[in-house]
Amino acid sequence: MYIGTYYHKLEEKGRVSVPVKFRNSLGEKPVLTRGLDGCLFLFSQQDWRAFIGTLEDSSVTKKVHRDFARLMANEASELEFDTVGRAVIPEYLRNKANITKEVVFTGSANRVELWDRDAYHTYMESLEQHAEEIAEQFDVPQKGEDHV
């Protein structure tokens, strides 16, 4: 599980130091892909396989399933860490999330998200304003209860 928020700077050539807490859990060759809401998603190989498995299990006869699989898999890239824990974020993915200099790494349970710092703060401020409404809409099964 990934938790916490870390701030880093994007170096020239698109390199960024990945927080050691995340790097240790991500393992070798984590997968970076477009995210949702303006960020990028970073998965360990194991979490990526589980995520892709849900897409593979979806019906290929439904266009929305095919389209979502394309969005997530077509632009995915395996990252490699150098000896000091830096990885190059491909330019096309940096452009997707408008990441230019200030980067936020945030743990989101089964993945790490990469954000442009300003975009992250704007998004989180919006969430904070609606936290109670979001919590009320979120359906969490009680212990011993089946979730349908």
N, C-alpha and C. Protein backbone atom coordinates (compact mmCIF):
# COMPACT_ATOMS: atom_id res chain seq x y z
N MET A 1 0.85 -1.17 0.00
CA MET A 1 0.00 0.00 0.00
C MET A 1 0.90 1.24 0.00
N TYR A 2 0.48 2.22 -0.79
CA TYR A 2 1.25 3.45 -0.93
C TYR A 2 0.50 4.58 -0.23
N ILE A 3 1.18 5.26 0.69
CA ILE A 3 0.60 6.40 1.38
C ILE A 3 1.64 7.50 1.50
N GLY A 4 1.17 8.71 1.69
CA GLY A 4 2.07 9.84 1.90
C GLY A 4 2.21 10.71 0.67
N THR A 5 2.79 11.89 0.87
CA THR A 5 2.99 12.87 -0.19
C THR A 5 4.43 13.39 -0.11
N TYR A 6 5.07 13.45 -1.27
CA TYR A 6 6.47 13.86 -1.34
C TYR A 6 6.66 14.84 -2.50
N TYR A 7 7.47 15.84 -2.27
CA TYR A 7 7.72 16.88 -3.28
C TYR A 7 9.13 16.72 -3.83
N HIS A 8 9.25 16.78 -5.15
CA HIS A 8 10.55 16.68 -5.82
C HIS A 8 10.57 17.64 -7.00
N LYS A 9 11.77 17.84 -7.51
CA LYS A 9 11.94 18.69 -8.69
C LYS A 9 12.32 17.84 -9.89
N LEU A 10 11.74 18.17 -11.03
CA LEU A 10 12.08 17.52 -12.28
C LEU A 10 13.39 18.12 -12.78
N GLU A 11 14.36 17.26 -13.07
CA GLU A 11 15.65 17.71 -13.58
C GLU A 11 15.58 17.87 -15.10
N GLU A 12 16.63 18.46 -15.63
CA GLU A 12 16.73 18.50 -17.09
C GLU A 12 16.70 17.07 -17.60
N LYS A 13 16.31 16.90 -18.82
CA LYS A 13 16.19 15.59 -19.47
C LYS A 13 15.04 14.76 -18.90
N GLY A 14 14.20 15.37 -18.05
CA GLY A 14 13.02 14.67 -17.56
C GLY A 14 13.25 13.68 -16.44
N ARG A 15 14.40 13.78 -15.77
CA ARG A 15 14.67 12.86 -14.66
C ARG A 15 14.09 13.41 -13.37
N VAL A 16 13.64 12.48 -12.51
CA VAL A 16 13.15 12.85 -11.20
C VAL A 16 13.53 11.76 -10.21
N SER A 17 13.84 12.17 -9.00
CA SER A 17 14.15 11.23 -7.95
C SER A 17 12.85 10.70 -7.37
N VAL A 18 12.67 9.41 -7.39
CA VAL A 18 11.46 8.78 -6.87
C VAL A 18 11.67 8.55 -5.38
N PRO A 19 10.72 8.96 -4.54
CA PRO A 19 10.88 8.79 -3.10
C PRO A 19 11.23 7.34 -2.73
N VAL A 20 12.21 7.20 -1.86
CA VAL A 20 12.71 5.87 -1.51
C VAL A 20 11.61 4.98 -0.93
N LYS A 21 10.69 5.55 -0.15
CA LYS A 21 9.60 4.75 0.40
C LYS A 21 8.77 4.11 -0.71
N PHE A 22 8.53 4.84 -1.78
CA PHE A 22 7.78 4.30 -2.90
C PHE A 22 8.67 3.38 -3.73
N ARG A 23 9.89 3.79 -3.95
CA ARG A 23 10.80 3.03 -4.81
C ARG A 23 10.98 1.61 -4.29
N ASN A 24 11.11 1.46 -2.99
CA ASN A 24 11.30 0.13 -2.41
C ASN A 24 10.10 -0.77 -2.68
N SER A 25 8.90 -0.22 -2.61
CA SER A 25 7.69 -1.01 -2.85
C SER A 25 7.40 -1.21 -4.33
N LEU A 26 7.82 -0.27 -5.15
CA LEU A 26 7.56 -0.37 -6.59
C LEU A 26 8.38 -1.47 -7.25
N GLY A 27 9.54 -1.76 -6.68
CA GLY A 27 10.39 -2.80 -7.24
C GLY A 27 11.02 -2.38 -8.55
N GLU A 28 11.53 -3.37 -9.28
CA GLU A 28 12.19 -3.09 -10.55
C GLU A 28 11.17 -2.87 -11.66
N LYS A 29 11.49 -1.95 -12.53
CA LYS A 29 10.71 -1.64 -13.72
C LYS A 29 9.22 -1.40 -13.45
N PRO A 30 8.90 -0.45 -12.56
CA PRO A 30 7.49 -0.12 -12.37
C PRO A 30 6.92 0.46 -13.66
N VAL A 31 5.61 0.46 -13.76
CA VAL A 31 4.93 0.91 -14.98
C VAL A 31 4.28 2.27 -14.72
N LEU A 32 4.62 3.22 -15.59
CA LEU A 32 4.06 4.56 -15.54
C LEU A 32 3.12 4.73 -16.72
N THR A 33 1.94 5.26 -16.46
CA THR A 33 0.98 5.47 -17.53
C THR A 33 0.17 6.73 -17.25
N ARG A 34 -0.61 7.12 -18.22
CA ARG A 34 -1.50 8.26 -18.00
C ARG A 34 -2.40 7.92 -16.83
N GLY A 35 -2.75 8.91 -16.10
CA GLY A 35 -3.68 8.71 -15.00
C GLY A 35 -5.01 9.35 -15.34
N LEU A 36 -5.74 9.63 -14.32
CA LEU A 36 -7.02 10.32 -14.46
C LEU A 36 -6.96 11.58 -13.60
N ASP A 37 -7.79 12.52 -13.89
CA ASP A 37 -7.88 13.76 -13.13
C ASP A 37 -6.66 14.67 -13.27
N GLY A 38 -5.80 14.40 -14.26
CA GLY A 38 -4.66 15.27 -14.52
C GLY A 38 -3.34 14.79 -13.98
N CYS A 39 -3.25 13.54 -13.56
CA CYS A 39 -1.99 13.02 -13.03
C CYS A 39 -1.52 11.83 -13.85
N LEU A 40 -0.40 11.25 -13.43
CA LEU A 40 0.10 10.00 -13.99
C LEU A 40 -0.02 8.93 -12.92
N PHE A 41 -0.20 7.68 -13.32
CA PHE A 41 -0.26 6.56 -12.40
C PHE A 41 1.04 5.76 -12.51
N LEU A 42 1.57 5.37 -11.37
CA LEU A 42 2.78 4.55 -11.31
C LEU A 42 2.46 3.30 -10.51
N PHE A 43 2.62 2.14 -11.15
CA PHE A 43 2.28 0.85 -10.55
C PHE A 43 3.54 -0.02 -10.44
N SER A 44 3.59 -0.85 -9.41
CA SER A 44 4.58 -1.93 -9.41
C SER A 44 4.17 -2.90 -10.50
N GLN A 45 5.07 -3.78 -10.90
CA GLN A 45 4.72 -4.78 -11.91
C GLN A 45 3.53 -5.62 -11.44
N GLN A 46 3.53 -6.00 -10.17
CA GLN A 46 2.45 -6.84 -9.64
C GLN A 46 1.12 -6.08 -9.68
N ASP A 47 1.12 -4.83 -9.24
CA ASP A 47 -0.12 -4.05 -9.24
C ASP A 47 -0.57 -3.73 -10.66
N TRP A 48 0.39 -3.53 -11.56
CA TRP A 48 0.04 -3.29 -12.96
C TRP A 48 -0.65 -4.51 -13.55
N ARG A 49 -0.11 -5.70 -13.28
CA ARG A 49 -0.72 -6.93 -13.80
C ARG A 49 -2.15 -7.09 -13.26
N ALA A 50 -2.35 -6.76 -11.98
CA ALA A 50 -3.70 -6.85 -11.41
C ALA A 50 -4.63 -5.84 -12.07
N PHE A 51 -4.14 -4.63 -12.28
CA PHE A 51 -4.95 -3.60 -12.92
C PHE A 51 -5.29 -3.98 -14.36
N ILE A 52 -4.30 -4.40 -15.10
CA ILE A 52 -4.51 -4.81 -16.49
C ILE A 52 -5.41 -6.04 -16.54
N GLY A 53 -5.30 -6.90 -15.54
CA GLY A 53 -6.17 -8.07 -15.49
C GLY A 53 -7.64 -7.69 -15.45
N THR A 54 -7.97 -6.62 -14.74
CA THR A 54 -9.37 -6.18 -14.72
C THR A 54 -9.79 -5.69 -16.09
N LEU A 55 -8.86 -5.07 -16.82
CA LEU A 55 -9.19 -4.61 -18.18
C LEU A 55 -9.31 -5.80 -19.13
N GLU A 56 -8.44 -6.79 -18.96
CA GLU A 56 -8.50 -7.97 -19.81
C GLU A 56 -9.77 -8.76 -19.58
N ASP A 57 -10.29 -8.72 -18.34
CA ASP A 57 -11.51 -9.44 -18.01
C ASP A 57 -12.77 -8.72 -18.48
N SER A 58 -12.63 -7.47 -18.88
CA SER A 58 -13.80 -6.73 -19.34
C SER A 58 -14.16 -7.17 -20.76
N SER A 59 -15.37 -6.91 -21.13
CA SER A 59 -15.88 -7.35 -22.42
C SER A 59 -15.29 -6.55 -23.57
N VAL A 60 -14.68 -7.24 -24.52
CA VAL A 60 -14.13 -6.55 -25.70
C VAL A 60 -15.23 -6.14 -26.66
N THR A 61 -16.44 -6.58 -26.41
CA THR A 61 -17.54 -6.19 -27.29
C THR A 61 -18.09 -4.81 -26.95
N LYS A 62 -17.67 -4.27 -25.79
CA LYS A 62 -18.12 -2.93 -25.40
C LYS A 62 -17.03 -1.92 -25.72
N LYS A 63 -17.40 -0.94 -26.50
CA LYS A 63 -16.44 0.08 -26.94
C LYS A 63 -15.78 0.81 -25.77
N VAL A 64 -16.54 1.13 -24.74
CA VAL A 64 -15.99 1.85 -23.61
C VAL A 64 -14.87 1.03 -22.93
N HIS A 65 -15.00 -0.28 -22.90
CA HIS A 65 -13.96 -1.15 -22.32
C HIS A 65 -12.70 -1.13 -23.19
N ARG A 66 -12.90 -1.25 -24.50
CA ARG A 66 -11.75 -1.22 -25.41
C ARG A 66 -11.03 0.13 -25.32
N ASP A 67 -11.81 1.19 -25.30
CA ASP A 67 -11.22 2.53 -25.26
C ASP A 67 -10.44 2.77 -23.97
N PHE A 68 -10.98 2.35 -22.84
CA PHE A 68 -10.26 2.55 -21.58
C PHE A 68 -8.97 1.73 -21.55
N ALA A 69 -9.03 0.50 -22.06
CA ALA A 69 -7.82 -0.33 -22.12
C ALA A 69 -6.76 0.36 -22.99
N ARG A 70 -7.18 0.93 -24.10
CA ARG A 70 -6.23 1.65 -24.97
C ARG A 70 -5.62 2.84 -24.26
N LEU A 71 -6.46 3.61 -23.59
CA LEU A 71 -5.97 4.79 -22.89
C LEU A 71 -4.90 4.43 -21.86
N MET A 72 -5.11 3.35 -21.15
CA MET A 72 -4.20 3.00 -20.07
C MET A 72 -2.97 2.22 -20.54
N ALA A 73 -3.13 1.32 -21.49
CA ALA A 73 -2.02 0.45 -21.89
C ALA A 73 -1.18 1.01 -23.03
N ASN A 74 -1.79 1.70 -23.97
CA ASN A 74 -1.05 2.14 -25.15
C ASN A 74 0.08 3.11 -24.81
N GLU A 75 -0.10 3.89 -23.77
CA GLU A 75 0.91 4.90 -23.43
C GLU A 75 1.74 4.52 -22.21
N ALA A 76 1.60 3.30 -21.73
CA ALA A 76 2.34 2.86 -20.55
C ALA A 76 3.82 2.69 -20.89
N SER A 77 4.66 2.90 -19.88
CA SER A 77 6.10 2.79 -20.06
C SER A 77 6.73 2.22 -18.79
N GLU A 78 7.65 1.28 -18.96
CA GLU A 78 8.40 0.77 -17.81
C GLU A 78 9.49 1.76 -17.46
N LEU A 79 9.62 2.07 -16.17
CA LEU A 79 10.68 2.97 -15.72
C LEU A 79 11.87 2.15 -15.22
N GLU A 80 13.03 2.74 -15.38
CA GLU A 80 14.24 2.14 -14.82
C GLU A 80 14.91 3.17 -13.94
N PHE A 81 15.31 2.74 -12.74
CA PHE A 81 15.97 3.63 -11.80
C PHE A 81 17.47 3.60 -12.01
N ASP A 82 18.10 4.78 -11.90
CA ASP A 82 19.56 4.80 -11.94
C ASP A 82 20.08 4.48 -10.53
N THR A 83 21.37 4.56 -10.33
CA THR A 83 21.97 4.14 -9.06
C THR A 83 21.55 4.99 -7.87
N VAL A 84 21.04 6.19 -8.11
CA VAL A 84 20.61 7.05 -7.01
C VAL A 84 19.07 7.18 -6.94
N GLY A 85 18.37 6.34 -7.68
CA GLY A 85 16.92 6.30 -7.57
C GLY A 85 16.16 7.27 -8.45
N ARG A 86 16.83 7.76 -9.48
CA ARG A 86 16.13 8.64 -10.42
C ARG A 86 15.62 7.83 -11.60
N ALA A 87 14.53 8.34 -12.19
CA ALA A 87 13.97 7.72 -13.38
C ALA A 87 13.60 8.83 -14.36
N VAL A 88 13.66 8.50 -15.64
CA VAL A 88 13.26 9.46 -16.67
C VAL A 88 11.78 9.29 -16.94
N ILE A 89 11.06 10.40 -16.82
CA ILE A 89 9.63 10.41 -17.14
C ILE A 89 9.53 10.76 -18.62
N PRO A 90 9.01 9.86 -19.45
CA PRO A 90 8.94 10.15 -20.89
C PRO A 90 8.21 11.48 -21.15
N GLU A 91 8.72 12.20 -22.14
CA GLU A 91 8.18 13.52 -22.44
C GLU A 91 6.68 13.48 -22.72
N TYR A 92 6.22 12.49 -23.49
CA TYR A 92 4.80 12.45 -23.82
C TYR A 92 3.94 12.28 -22.57
N LEU A 93 4.44 11.60 -21.53
CA LEU A 93 3.69 11.47 -20.29
C LEU A 93 3.79 12.75 -19.45
N ARG A 94 4.96 13.38 -19.44
CA ARG A 94 5.08 14.68 -18.75
C ARG A 94 4.08 15.67 -19.34
N ASN A 95 3.95 15.66 -20.66
CA ASN A 95 3.02 16.56 -21.33
C ASN A 95 1.57 16.25 -20.97
N LYS A 96 1.23 14.97 -20.84
CA LYS A 96 -0.14 14.58 -20.47
C LYS A 96 -0.55 15.20 -19.14
N ALA A 97 0.38 15.24 -18.19
CA ALA A 97 0.08 15.74 -16.84
C ALA A 97 0.59 17.17 -16.63
N ASN A 98 1.08 17.81 -17.68
CA ASN A 98 1.61 19.18 -17.59
C ASN A 98 2.67 19.32 -16.51
N ILE A 99 3.50 18.30 -16.38
CA ILE A 99 4.59 18.33 -15.39
C ILE A 99 5.78 19.05 -16.01
N THR A 100 6.19 20.13 -15.36
CA THR A 100 7.31 20.90 -15.90
C THR A 100 8.49 20.97 -14.94
N LYS A 101 8.27 21.30 -13.69
CA LYS A 101 9.40 21.46 -12.77
C LYS A 101 9.12 20.86 -11.39
N GLU A 102 8.04 21.28 -10.77
CA GLU A 102 7.70 20.82 -9.42
C GLU A 102 6.80 19.59 -9.53
N VAL A 103 7.22 18.48 -8.92
CA VAL A 103 6.50 17.21 -9.00
C VAL A 103 6.04 16.80 -7.61
N VAL A 104 4.83 16.29 -7.54
CA VAL A 104 4.31 15.72 -6.30
C VAL A 104 4.08 14.24 -6.53
N PHE A 105 4.67 13.42 -5.66
CA PHE A 105 4.41 11.99 -5.63
C PHE A 105 3.46 11.76 -4.46
N THR A 106 2.35 11.10 -4.72
CA THR A 106 1.41 10.84 -3.64
C THR A 106 0.94 9.39 -3.69
N GLY A 107 0.89 8.78 -2.53
CA GLY A 107 0.43 7.41 -2.44
C GLY A 107 -1.08 7.36 -2.48
N SER A 108 -1.62 6.51 -3.33
CA SER A 108 -3.06 6.37 -3.48
C SER A 108 -3.46 4.90 -3.40
N ALA A 109 -3.12 4.30 -2.27
CA ALA A 109 -3.45 2.90 -1.97
C ALA A 109 -2.69 1.92 -2.86
N ASN A 110 -3.22 1.59 -4.05
CA ASN A 110 -2.58 0.57 -4.89
C ASN A 110 -1.69 1.15 -5.97
N ARG A 111 -1.46 2.45 -5.93
CA ARG A 111 -0.61 3.09 -6.95
C ARG A 111 -0.02 4.36 -6.38
N VAL A 112 0.98 4.84 -7.08
CA VAL A 112 1.56 6.15 -6.79
C VAL A 112 1.07 7.08 -7.89
N GLU A 113 0.72 8.30 -7.52
CA GLU A 113 0.33 9.29 -8.52
C GLU A 113 1.40 10.36 -8.61
N LEU A 114 1.66 10.82 -9.83
CA LEU A 114 2.59 11.93 -10.08
C LEU A 114 1.78 13.10 -10.60
N TRP A 115 1.99 14.23 -9.97
CA TRP A 115 1.25 15.44 -10.29
C TRP A 115 2.19 16.61 -10.51
N ASP A 116 1.77 17.56 -11.31
CA ASP A 116 2.36 18.88 -11.30
C ASP A 116 1.94 19.50 -9.97
N ARG A 117 2.86 20.17 -9.30
CA ARG A 117 2.58 20.68 -7.95
C ARG A 117 1.35 21.59 -7.90
N ASP A 118 1.27 22.55 -8.80
CA ASP A 118 0.14 23.48 -8.79
C ASP A 118 -1.17 22.75 -9.07
N ALA A 119 -1.16 21.84 -10.03
CA ALA A 119 -2.37 21.09 -10.36
C ALA A 119 -2.81 20.24 -9.17
N TYR A 120 -1.85 19.64 -8.47
CA TYR A 120 -2.17 18.81 -7.30
C TYR A 120 -2.86 19.65 -6.23
N HIS A 121 -2.28 20.79 -5.92
CA HIS A 121 -2.86 21.63 -4.87
C HIS A 121 -4.25 22.15 -5.26
N THR A 122 -4.42 22.52 -6.50
CA THR A 122 -5.73 22.97 -6.96
C THR A 122 -6.75 21.85 -6.84
N TYR A 123 -6.38 20.66 -7.27
CA TYR A 123 -7.28 19.51 -7.21
C TYR A 123 -7.63 19.16 -5.77
N MET A 124 -6.62 19.11 -4.91
CA MET A 124 -6.86 18.74 -3.51
C MET A 124 -7.69 19.78 -2.78
N GLU A 125 -7.51 21.05 -3.08
CA GLU A 125 -8.33 22.10 -2.47
C GLU A 125 -9.79 21.89 -2.83
N SER A 126 -10.05 21.52 -4.08
CA SER A 126 -11.41 21.24 -4.52
C SER A 126 -11.99 20.04 -3.78
N LEU A 127 -11.18 19.00 -3.61
CA LEU A 127 -11.64 17.82 -2.87
C LEU A 127 -11.97 18.16 -1.43
N GLU A 128 -11.10 18.94 -0.80
CA GLU A 128 -11.29 19.32 0.59
C GLU A 128 -12.62 20.03 0.80
N GLN A 129 -13.01 20.84 -0.16
CA GLN A 129 -14.28 21.58 -0.05
C GLN A 129 -15.48 20.66 -0.08
N HIS A 130 -15.31 19.46 -0.61
CA HIS A 130 -16.42 18.52 -0.76
C HIS A 130 -16.17 17.20 -0.03
N ALA A 131 -15.29 17.20 0.95
CA ALA A 131 -14.88 15.95 1.61
C ALA A 131 -16.06 15.20 2.22
N GLU A 132 -16.94 15.90 2.92
CA GLU A 132 -18.07 15.23 3.56
C GLU A 132 -19.02 14.64 2.53
N GLU A 133 -19.28 15.37 1.47
CA GLU A 133 -20.17 14.87 0.41
C GLU A 133 -19.58 13.62 -0.24
N ILE A 134 -18.29 13.65 -0.50
CA ILE A 134 -17.61 12.50 -1.10
C ILE A 134 -17.69 11.30 -0.17
N ALA A 135 -17.43 11.52 1.11
CA ALA A 135 -17.47 10.43 2.09
C ALA A 135 -18.85 9.81 2.17
N GLU A 136 -19.89 10.63 2.12
CA GLU A 136 -21.25 10.11 2.19
C GLU A 136 -21.61 9.26 0.98
N GLN A 137 -21.04 9.57 -0.17
CA GLN A 137 -21.35 8.81 -1.39
C GLN A 137 -20.53 7.54 -1.51
N PHE A 138 -19.46 7.44 -0.75
CA PHE A 138 -18.57 6.29 -0.83
C PHE A 138 -19.16 5.14 -0.05
N ASP A 139 -19.39 4.02 -0.72
CA ASP A 139 -20.03 2.87 -0.11
C ASP A 139 -18.96 1.87 0.32
N VAL A 140 -18.73 1.80 1.64
CA VAL A 140 -17.76 0.87 2.19
C VAL A 140 -18.53 -0.25 2.89
N PRO A 141 -18.32 -1.50 2.47
CA PRO A 141 -19.03 -2.60 3.13
C PRO A 141 -18.58 -2.73 4.59
N GLN A 142 -19.51 -3.03 5.46
CA GLN A 142 -19.21 -3.25 6.86
C GLN A 142 -18.61 -4.64 7.03
N LYS A 143 -17.86 -4.83 8.08
CA LYS A 143 -17.23 -6.12 8.34
C LYS A 143 -18.28 -7.23 8.38
N GLY A 144 -18.04 -8.27 7.62
CA GLY A 144 -18.96 -9.40 7.56
C GLY A 144 -20.10 -9.20 6.57
N GLU A 145 -20.12 -8.05 5.91
CA GLU A 145 -21.20 -7.75 4.96
C GLU A 145 -20.68 -7.94 3.54
N ASP A 146 -21.48 -8.57 2.71
CA ASP A 146 -21.10 -8.73 1.29
C ASP A 146 -21.28 -7.40 0.59
N HIS A 147 -20.34 -7.06 -0.27
CA HIS A 147 -20.44 -5.85 -1.06
C HIS A 147 -20.94 -6.21 -2.44
N VAL A 148 -22.04 -5.64 -2.83
CA VAL A 148 -22.64 -5.95 -4.12
C VAL A 148 -22.28 -4.90 -5.13
